[in-house]
Amino acid sequence: ASMAENAIVYGNRYRALNKEIDNSLYRAERYFFKGEYNDSLREAIRSINVVEPGIQDRLLAEYNKEES
């Protein structure tokens, strides 16, 4: 859940750049509020990856730092 939330928050900076990113992050938020965290994370990463290829690896590295 935390990783999904962080991905959505991170992706918010790109909402104004592209309507599809905005729509995709909106879907990620809806999944999140339904408790579907895996789907939320998947959707958020897919949308951010458009402007930042490889974002999944960076988010995972950041998450692993927090867990340590």
Protein backbone atom coordinates (compact mmCIF):
# COMPACT_ATOMS: atom_id res chain seq x y z
CA ALA A 1 0.00 0.00 0.00
CA SER A 2 2.80 2.38 0.90
CA MET A 3 4.61 1.80 -2.36
CA ALA A 4 1.43 2.39 -4.37
CA GLU A 5 0.75 5.61 -2.49
CA ASN A 6 4.31 6.84 -3.03
CA ALA A 7 4.12 6.05 -6.75
CA ILE A 8 0.90 8.04 -7.11
CA VAL A 9 2.31 11.00 -5.19
CA TYR A 10 5.49 10.88 -7.28
CA GLY A 11 3.49 10.69 -10.49
CA ASN A 12 1.40 13.74 -9.63
CA ARG A 13 4.20 15.97 -10.95
CA TYR A 14 3.49 14.66 -14.46
CA ARG A 15 -0.31 15.04 -14.52
CA ALA A 16 -0.20 18.37 -16.34
CA LEU A 17 2.14 17.05 -19.04
CA ASN A 18 -0.12 14.45 -20.53
CA LYS A 19 -3.86 13.73 -20.30
CA GLU A 20 -3.27 9.96 -20.48
CA ILE A 21 -0.91 10.13 -17.49
CA ASP A 22 -3.56 12.09 -15.60
CA ASN A 23 -6.22 9.50 -16.47
CA SER A 24 -3.96 6.61 -15.57
CA LEU A 25 -3.06 8.12 -12.19
CA TYR A 26 -6.75 8.71 -11.57
CA ARG A 27 -7.34 4.98 -12.18
CA ALA A 28 -4.45 4.18 -9.83
CA GLU A 29 -6.09 6.32 -7.13
CA ARG A 30 -9.41 4.55 -7.61
CA TYR A 31 -7.73 1.16 -7.24
CA PHE A 32 -5.94 2.42 -4.14
CA PHE A 33 -9.12 3.61 -2.44
CA LYS A 34 -10.76 0.25 -3.18
CA GLY A 35 -7.85 -1.49 -1.43
CA GLU A 36 -6.50 -2.95 -4.69
CA TYR A 37 -2.92 -1.89 -3.98
CA ASN A 38 -1.17 -4.14 -6.50
CA ASP A 39 -3.37 -2.87 -9.32
CA SER A 40 -2.87 0.68 -8.09
CA LEU A 41 0.90 0.32 -8.09
CA ARG A 42 0.91 -1.35 -11.50
CA GLU A 43 -1.20 1.45 -13.01
CA ALA A 44 0.86 4.24 -11.42
CA ILE A 45 4.14 2.72 -12.60
CA ARG A 46 2.77 2.20 -16.10
CA SER A 47 1.76 5.84 -16.33
CA ILE A 48 5.03 7.27 -14.94
CA ASN A 49 7.09 4.98 -17.15
CA VAL A 50 5.93 7.02 -20.15
CA VAL A 51 8.04 9.99 -19.02
CA GLU A 52 10.56 8.19 -16.80
CA PRO A 53 11.49 4.81 -18.23
CA GLY A 54 12.76 2.46 -15.53
CA ILE A 55 10.82 4.12 -12.72
CA GLN A 56 9.88 0.74 -11.28
CA ASP A 57 13.50 -0.06 -10.42
CA ARG A 58 14.03 3.34 -8.78
CA LEU A 59 10.85 3.09 -6.72
CA LEU A 60 11.77 -0.42 -5.63
CA ALA A 61 15.26 0.72 -4.60
CA GLU A 62 13.76 3.58 -2.59
CA TYR A 63 11.28 1.22 -0.93
CA ASN A 64 14.09 -1.18 -0.01
CA LYS A 65 16.04 1.70 1.58
CA GLU A 66 13.03 2.57 3.73
CA GLU A 67 12.63 -1.05 4.84
CA SER A 68 16.27 -1.32 5.98
